[in-house]
Amino acid sequence: SFVGQIAGAATIFTWVFIASLITWAVIKL
């Protein structure tokens, strides 16, 4: 379903982007 695809895409992007941003920031620090 389009709703399921959008929800899946949003979940994947949000989790990976935020978790990666935090990880990159710690490494940078």
PDB file of all heavy atoms in Angstrom:
ATOM      1  N   SER A   1       0.845  -1.197   0.000  1.00  0.00           N
ATOM      2  CA  SER A   1       0.000   0.000   0.000  1.00  0.00           C
ATOM      3  C   SER A   1       0.878   1.243   0.000  1.00  0.00           C
ATOM      4  O   SER A   1       2.004   1.225   0.507  1.00  0.00           O
ATOM      5  CB  SER A   1      -0.909   0.018   1.233  1.00  0.00           C
ATOM      6  OG  SER A   1      -0.157   0.275   2.412  1.00  0.00           O
ATOM      7  N   PHE A   2       0.360   2.318  -0.575  1.00  0.00           N
ATOM      8  CA  PHE A   2       1.120   3.575  -0.597  1.00  0.00           C
ATOM      9  C   PHE A   2       1.353   4.093   0.819  1.00  0.00           C
ATOM     10  O   PHE A   2       2.433   4.608   1.132  1.00  0.00           O
ATOM     11  CB  PHE A   2       0.378   4.624  -1.432  1.00  0.00           C
ATOM     12  CG  PHE A   2       0.493   4.425  -2.906  1.00  0.00           C
ATOM     13  CD1 PHE A   2      -0.594   3.977  -3.648  1.00  0.00           C
ATOM     14  CD2 PHE A   2       1.691   4.663  -3.566  1.00  0.00           C
ATOM     15  CE1 PHE A   2      -0.490   3.781  -5.029  1.00  0.00           C
ATOM     16  CE2 PHE A   2       1.805   4.475  -4.935  1.00  0.00           C
ATOM     17  CZ  PHE A   2       0.712   4.033  -5.672  1.00  0.00           C
ATOM     18  N   VAL A   3       0.360   3.929   1.683  1.00  0.00           N
ATOM     19  CA  VAL A   3       0.515   4.368   3.076  1.00  0.00           C
ATOM     20  C   VAL A   3       1.634   3.580   3.750  1.00  0.00           C
ATOM     21  O   VAL A   3       2.493   4.138   4.453  1.00  0.00           O
ATOM     22  CB  VAL A   3      -0.811   4.199   3.852  1.00  0.00           C
ATOM     23  CG1 VAL A   3      -0.589   4.460   5.350  1.00  0.00           C
ATOM     24  CG2 VAL A   3      -1.872   5.142   3.307  1.00  0.00           C
ATOM     25  N   GLY A   4       1.635   2.262   3.533  1.00  0.00           N
ATOM     26  CA  GLY A   4       2.680   1.419   4.109  1.00  0.00           C
ATOM     27  C   GLY A   4       4.055   1.767   3.574  1.00  0.00           C
ATOM     28  O   GLY A   4       5.046   1.787   4.330  1.00  0.00           O
ATOM     29  N   GLN A   5       4.142   2.068   2.269  1.00  0.00           N
ATOM     30  CA  GLN A   5       5.430   2.421   1.663  1.00  0.00           C
ATOM     31  C   GLN A   5       5.959   3.735   2.214  1.00  0.00           C
ATOM     32  O   GLN A   5       7.152   3.867   2.502  1.00  0.00           O
ATOM     33  CB  GLN A   5       5.301   2.505   0.139  1.00  0.00           C
ATOM     34  CG  GLN A   5       4.927   1.199  -0.556  1.00  0.00           C
ATOM     35  CD  GLN A   5       5.880   0.062  -0.250  1.00  0.00           C
ATOM     36  OE1 GLN A   5       5.653  -0.744   0.645  1.00  0.00           O
ATOM     37  NE2 GLN A   5       6.978   0.004  -0.982  1.00  0.00           N
ATOM     38  N   ILE A   6       5.064   4.712   2.366  1.00  0.00           N
ATOM     39  CA  ILE A   6       5.476   6.012   2.914  1.00  0.00           C
ATOM     40  C   ILE A   6       5.903   5.863   4.372  1.00  0.00           C
ATOM     41  O   ILE A   6       6.920   6.421   4.802  1.00  0.00           O
ATOM     42  CB  ILE A   6       4.328   7.034   2.773  1.00  0.00           C
ATOM     43  CG1 ILE A   6       4.088   7.351   1.285  1.00  0.00           C
ATOM     44  CG2 ILE A   6       4.647   8.323   3.540  1.00  0.00           C
ATOM     45  CD1 ILE A   6       2.815   8.137   1.015  1.00  0.00           C
ATOM     46  N   ALA A   7       5.135   5.077   5.135  1.00  0.00           N
ATOM     47  CA  ALA A   7       5.484   4.853   6.540  1.00  0.00           C
ATOM     48  C   ALA A   7       6.823   4.150   6.669  1.00  0.00           C
ATOM     49  O   ALA A   7       7.656   4.502   7.521  1.00  0.00           O
ATOM     50  CB  ALA A   7       4.387   4.028   7.220  1.00  0.00           C
ATOM     51  N   GLY A   8       7.045   3.154   5.809  1.00  0.00           N
ATOM     52  CA  GLY A   8       8.315   2.429   5.839  1.00  0.00           C
ATOM     53  C   GLY A   8       9.483   3.320   5.476  1.00  0.00           C
ATOM     54  O   GLY A   8      10.527   3.306   6.139  1.00  0.00           O
ATOM     55  N   ALA A   9       9.309   4.121   4.415  1.00  0.00           N
ATOM     56  CA  ALA A   9      10.371   5.025   3.987  1.00  0.00           C
ATOM     57  C   ALA A   9      10.688   6.050   5.078  1.00  0.00           C
ATOM     58  O   ALA A   9      11.861   6.330   5.366  1.00  0.00           O
ATOM     59  CB  ALA A   9       9.966   5.735   2.695  1.00  0.00           C
ATOM     60  N   ALA A  10       9.650   6.593   5.690  1.00  0.00           N
ATOM     61  CA  ALA A  10       9.846   7.590   6.748  1.00  0.00           C
ATOM     62  C   ALA A  10      10.550   6.982   7.957  1.00  0.00           C
ATOM     63  O   ALA A  10      11.439   7.596   8.559  1.00  0.00           O
ATOM     64  CB  ALA A  10       8.500   8.181   7.163  1.00  0.00           C
ATOM     65  N   THR A  11      10.160   5.756   8.305  1.00  0.00           N
ATOM     66  CA  THR A  11      10.783   5.075   9.451  1.00  0.00           C
ATOM     67  C   THR A  11      12.255   4.807   9.198  1.00  0.00           C
ATOM     68  O   THR A  11      13.111   5.088  10.044  1.00  0.00           O
ATOM     69  CB  THR A  11      10.051   3.752   9.746  1.00  0.00           C
ATOM     70  OG1 THR A  11       8.678   4.023  10.031  1.00  0.00           O
ATOM     71  CG2 THR A  11      10.683   3.032  10.921  1.00  0.00           C
ATOM     72  N   ILE A  12      12.549   4.254   8.025  1.00  0.00           N
ATOM     73  CA  ILE A  12      13.939   3.933   7.681  1.00  0.00           C
ATOM     74  C   ILE A  12      14.792   5.198   7.673  1.00  0.00           C
ATOM     75  O   ILE A  12      15.855   5.249   8.304  1.00  0.00           O
ATOM     76  CB  ILE A  12      14.006   3.225   6.306  1.00  0.00           C
ATOM     77  CG1 ILE A  12      13.361   1.844   6.376  1.00  0.00           C
ATOM     78  CG2 ILE A  12      15.459   3.109   5.831  1.00  0.00           C
ATOM     79  CD1 ILE A  12      13.119   1.210   5.017  1.00  0.00           C
ATOM     80  N   PHE A  13      14.320   6.223   6.959  1.00  0.00           N
ATOM     81  CA  PHE A  13      15.121   7.438   6.832  1.00  0.00           C
ATOM     82  C   PHE A  13      15.317   8.119   8.183  1.00  0.00           C
ATOM     83  O   PHE A  13      16.435   8.525   8.529  1.00  0.00           O
ATOM     84  CB  PHE A  13      14.477   8.414   5.847  1.00  0.00           C
ATOM     85  CG  PHE A  13      15.266   9.690   5.685  1.00  0.00           C
ATOM     86  CD1 PHE A  13      16.342   9.739   4.808  1.00  0.00           C
ATOM     87  CD2 PHE A  13      14.971  10.820   6.433  1.00  0.00           C
ATOM     88  CE1 PHE A  13      17.098  10.894   4.669  1.00  0.00           C
ATOM     89  CE2 PHE A  13      15.717  11.976   6.303  1.00  0.00           C
ATOM     90  CZ  PHE A  13      16.783  12.013   5.415  1.00  0.00           C
ATOM     91  N   THR A  14      14.243   8.244   8.940  1.00  0.00           N
ATOM     92  CA  THR A  14      14.334   8.958  10.224  1.00  0.00           C
ATOM     93  C   THR A  14      15.308   8.265  11.171  1.00  0.00           C
ATOM     94  O   THR A  14      16.183   8.912  11.769  1.00  0.00           O
ATOM     95  CB  THR A  14      12.943   9.050  10.877  1.00  0.00           C
ATOM     96  OG1 THR A  14      12.047   9.729   9.985  1.00  0.00           O
ATOM     97  CG2 THR A  14      13.022   9.817  12.194  1.00  0.00           C
ATOM     98  N   TRP A  15      15.166   6.950  11.309  1.00  0.00           N
ATOM     99  CA  TRP A  15      16.040   6.219  12.219  1.00  0.00           C
ATOM    100  C   TRP A  15      17.498   6.291  11.775  1.00  0.00           C
ATOM    101  O   TRP A  15      18.384   6.648  12.551  1.00  0.00           O
ATOM    102  CB  TRP A  15      15.604   4.767  12.350  1.00  0.00           C
ATOM    103  CG  TRP A  15      16.690   3.870  12.870  1.00  0.00           C
ATOM    104  CD1 TRP A  15      17.370   2.904  12.181  1.00  0.00           C
ATOM    105  CD2 TRP A  15      17.271   3.881  14.189  1.00  0.00           C
ATOM    106  NE1 TRP A  15      18.322   2.303  12.969  1.00  0.00           N
ATOM    107  CE2 TRP A  15      18.281   2.884  14.214  1.00  0.00           C
ATOM    108  CE3 TRP A  15      17.034   4.632  15.342  1.00  0.00           C
ATOM    109  CZ2 TRP A  15      19.056   2.627  15.348  1.00  0.00           C
ATOM    110  CZ3 TRP A  15      17.805   4.379  16.476  1.00  0.00           C
ATOM    111  CH2 TRP A  15      18.793   3.381  16.476  1.00  0.00           C
ATOM    112  N   VAL A  16      17.740   5.962  10.520  1.00  0.00           N
ATOM    113  CA  VAL A  16      19.127   5.895  10.053  1.00  0.00           C
ATOM    114  C   VAL A  16      19.762   7.282  10.052  1.00  0.00           C
ATOM    115  O   VAL A  16      20.919   7.445  10.469  1.00  0.00           O
ATOM    116  CB  VAL A  16      19.208   5.251   8.650  1.00  0.00           C
ATOM    117  CG1 VAL A  16      20.646   5.275   8.137  1.00  0.00           C
ATOM    118  CG2 VAL A  16      18.691   3.815   8.686  1.00  0.00           C
ATOM    119  N   PHE A  17      19.024   8.296   9.611  1.00  0.00           N
ATOM    120  CA  PHE A  17      19.584   9.641   9.553  1.00  0.00           C
ATOM    121  C   PHE A  17      19.919  10.166  10.954  1.00  0.00           C
ATOM    122  O   PHE A  17      21.033  10.664  11.191  1.00  0.00           O
ATOM    123  CB  PHE A  17      18.609  10.599   8.860  1.00  0.00           C
ATOM    124  CG  PHE A  17      19.121  12.018   8.757  1.00  0.00           C
ATOM    125  CD1 PHE A  17      20.041  12.370   7.782  1.00  0.00           C
ATOM    126  CD2 PHE A  17      18.697  12.991   9.651  1.00  0.00           C
ATOM    127  CE1 PHE A  17      20.529  13.667   7.694  1.00  0.00           C
ATOM    128  CE2 PHE A  17      19.179  14.285   9.567  1.00  0.00           C
ATOM    129  CZ  PHE A  17      20.094  14.625   8.589  1.00  0.00           C
ATOM    130  N   ILE A  18      18.979  10.041  11.887  1.00  0.00           N
ATOM    131  CA  ILE A  18      19.218  10.580  13.236  1.00  0.00           C
ATOM    132  C   ILE A  18      20.314   9.792  13.950  1.00  0.00           C
ATOM    133  O   ILE A  18      21.224  10.375  14.567  1.00  0.00           O
ATOM    134  CB  ILE A  18      17.913  10.583  14.052  1.00  0.00           C
ATOM    135  CG1 ILE A  18      16.923  11.592  13.451  1.00  0.00           C
ATOM    136  CG2 ILE A  18      18.188  10.915  15.523  1.00  0.00           C
ATOM    137  CD1 ILE A  18      15.558  11.586  14.097  1.00  0.00           C
ATOM    138  N   ALA A  19      20.242   8.464  13.879  1.00  0.00           N
ATOM    139  CA  ALA A  19      21.264   7.639  14.537  1.00  0.00           C
ATOM    140  C   ALA A  19      22.641   7.898  13.938  1.00  0.00           C
ATOM    141  O   ALA A  19      23.651   7.975  14.660  1.00  0.00           O
ATOM    142  CB  ALA A  19      20.906   6.161  14.413  1.00  0.00           C
ATOM    143  N   SER A  20      22.691   8.066  12.619  1.00  0.00           N
ATOM    144  CA  SER A  20      23.968   8.339  11.948  1.00  0.00           C
ATOM    145  C   SER A  20      24.489   9.723  12.304  1.00  0.00           C
ATOM    146  O   SER A  20      25.691   9.908  12.536  1.00  0.00           O
ATOM    147  CB  SER A  20      23.803   8.226  10.426  1.00  0.00           C
ATOM    148  OG  SER A  20      23.430   6.918  10.053  1.00  0.00           O
ATOM    149  N   LEU A  21      23.588  10.702  12.343  1.00  0.00           N
ATOM    150  CA  LEU A  21      23.986  12.074  12.678  1.00  0.00           C
ATOM    151  C   LEU A  21      24.611  12.130  14.074  1.00  0.00           C
ATOM    152  O   LEU A  21      25.649  12.771  14.282  1.00  0.00           O
ATOM    153  CB  LEU A  21      22.770  13.003  12.593  1.00  0.00           C
ATOM    154  CG  LEU A  21      23.052  14.508  12.599  1.00  0.00           C
ATOM    155  CD1 LEU A  21      23.798  14.920  11.329  1.00  0.00           C
ATOM    156  CD2 LEU A  21      21.737  15.281  12.709  1.00  0.00           C
ATOM    157  N   ILE A  22      23.996  11.423  15.012  1.00  0.00           N
ATOM    158  CA  ILE A  22      24.532  11.376  16.381  1.00  0.00           C
ATOM    159  C   ILE A  22      25.900  10.694  16.391  1.00  0.00           C
ATOM    160  O   ILE A  22      26.858  11.168  17.029  1.00  0.00           O
ATOM    161  CB  ILE A  22      23.549  10.651  17.320  1.00  0.00           C
ATOM    162  CG1 ILE A  22      22.265  11.472  17.475  1.00  0.00           C
ATOM    163  CG2 ILE A  22      24.191  10.382  18.680  1.00  0.00           C
ATOM    164  CD1 ILE A  22      21.140  10.734  18.179  1.00  0.00           C
ATOM    165  N   THR A  23      26.003   9.579  15.668  1.00  0.00           N
ATOM    166  CA  THR A  23      27.273   8.835  15.620  1.00  0.00           C
ATOM    167  C   THR A  23      28.378   9.668  14.986  1.00  0.00           C
ATOM    168  O   THR A  23      29.496   9.756  15.510  1.00  0.00           O
ATOM    169  CB  THR A  23      27.096   7.517  14.839  1.00  0.00           C
ATOM    170  OG1 THR A  23      26.011   6.772  15.406  1.00  0.00           O
ATOM    171  CG2 THR A  23      28.368   6.682  14.884  1.00  0.00           C
ATOM    172  N   TRP A  24      28.072  10.289  13.839  1.00  0.00           N
ATOM    173  CA  TRP A  24      29.051  11.163  13.174  1.00  0.00           C
ATOM    174  C   TRP A  24      29.468  12.300  14.112  1.00  0.00           C
ATOM    175  O   TRP A  24      30.654  12.665  14.177  1.00  0.00           O
ATOM    176  CB  TRP A  24      28.471  11.756  11.892  1.00  0.00           C
ATOM    177  CG  TRP A  24      28.308  10.869  10.698  1.00  0.00           C
ATOM    178  CD1 TRP A  24      27.156  10.636  10.011  1.00  0.00           C
ATOM    179  CD2 TRP A  24      29.319  10.123  10.007  1.00  0.00           C
ATOM    180  NE1 TRP A  24      27.381   9.800   8.942  1.00  0.00           N
ATOM    181  CE2 TRP A  24      28.703   9.469   8.911  1.00  0.00           C
ATOM    182  CE3 TRP A  24      30.698   9.952  10.199  1.00  0.00           C
ATOM    183  CZ2 TRP A  24      29.402   8.666   8.024  1.00  0.00           C
ATOM    184  CZ3 TRP A  24      31.391   9.132   9.309  1.00  0.00           C
ATOM    185  CH2 TRP A  24      30.752   8.504   8.246  1.00  0.00           C
ATOM    186  N   ALA A  25      28.494  12.882  14.822  1.00  0.00           N
ATOM    187  CA  ALA A  25      28.783  14.021  15.707  1.00  0.00           C
ATOM    188  C   ALA A  25      29.710  13.619  16.845  1.00  0.00           C
ATOM    189  O   ALA A  25      30.630  14.372  17.213  1.00  0.00           O
ATOM    190  CB  ALA A  25      27.482  14.595  16.255  1.00  0.00           C
ATOM    191  N   VAL A  26      29.479  12.431  17.404  1.00  0.00           N
ATOM    192  CA  VAL A  26      30.350  11.947  18.485  1.00  0.00           C
ATOM    193  C   VAL A  26      31.766  11.721  17.961  1.00  0.00           C
ATOM    194  O   VAL A  26      32.763  12.103  18.597  1.00  0.00           O
ATOM    195  CB  VAL A  26      29.773  10.654  19.101  1.00  0.00           C
ATOM    196  CG1 VAL A  26      30.779  10.027  20.063  1.00  0.00           C
ATOM    197  CG2 VAL A  26      28.464  10.956  19.819  1.00  0.00           C
ATOM    198  N   ILE A  27      31.869  11.104  16.790  1.00  0.00           N
ATOM    199  CA  ILE A  27      33.189  10.862  16.190  1.00  0.00           C
ATOM    200  C   ILE A  27      33.894  12.184  15.904  1.00  0.00           C
ATOM    201  O   ILE A  27      35.100  12.344  16.150  1.00  0.00           O
ATOM    202  CB  ILE A  27      33.053  10.029  14.900  1.00  0.00           C
ATOM    203  CG1 ILE A  27      32.532   8.628  15.230  1.00  0.00           C
ATOM    204  CG2 ILE A  27      34.405   9.926  14.173  1.00  0.00           C
ATOM    205  CD1 ILE A  27      32.166   7.801  14.007  1.00  0.00           C
ATOM    206  N   LYS A  28      33.131  13.159  15.401  1.00  0.00           N
ATOM    207  CA  LYS A  28      33.707  14.479  15.119  1.00  0.00           C
ATOM    208  C   LYS A  28      34.236  15.123  16.393  1.00  0.00           C
ATOM    209  O   LYS A  28      35.314  15.745  16.394  1.00  0.00           O
ATOM    210  CB  LYS A  28      32.640  15.374  14.473  1.00  0.00           C
ATOM    211  CG  LYS A  28      33.151  16.752  14.087  1.00  0.00           C
ATOM    212  CD  LYS A  28      32.069  17.567  13.373  1.00  0.00           C
ATOM    213  CE  LYS A  28      32.603  18.924  12.920  1.00  0.00           C
ATOM    214  NZ  LYS A  28      31.568  19.715  12.205  1.00  0.00           N
ATOM    215  N   LEU A  29      33.504  14.961  17.473  1.00  0.00           N
ATOM    216  CA  LEU A  29      33.896  15.546  18.753  1.00  0.00           C
ATOM    217  C   LEU A  29      35.149  14.882  19.316  1.00  0.00           C
ATOM    218  O   LEU A  29      36.023  15.545  19.885  1.00  0.00           O
ATOM    219  CB  LEU A  29      32.736  15.407  19.748  1.00  0.00           C
ATOM    220  CG  LEU A  29      32.853  16.158  21.070  1.00  0.00           C
ATOM    221  CD1 LEU A  29      32.855  17.667  20.835  1.00  0.00           C
ATOM    222  CD2 LEU A  29      31.714  15.757  22.011  1.00  0.00           C
TER     223      LEU A  29
END
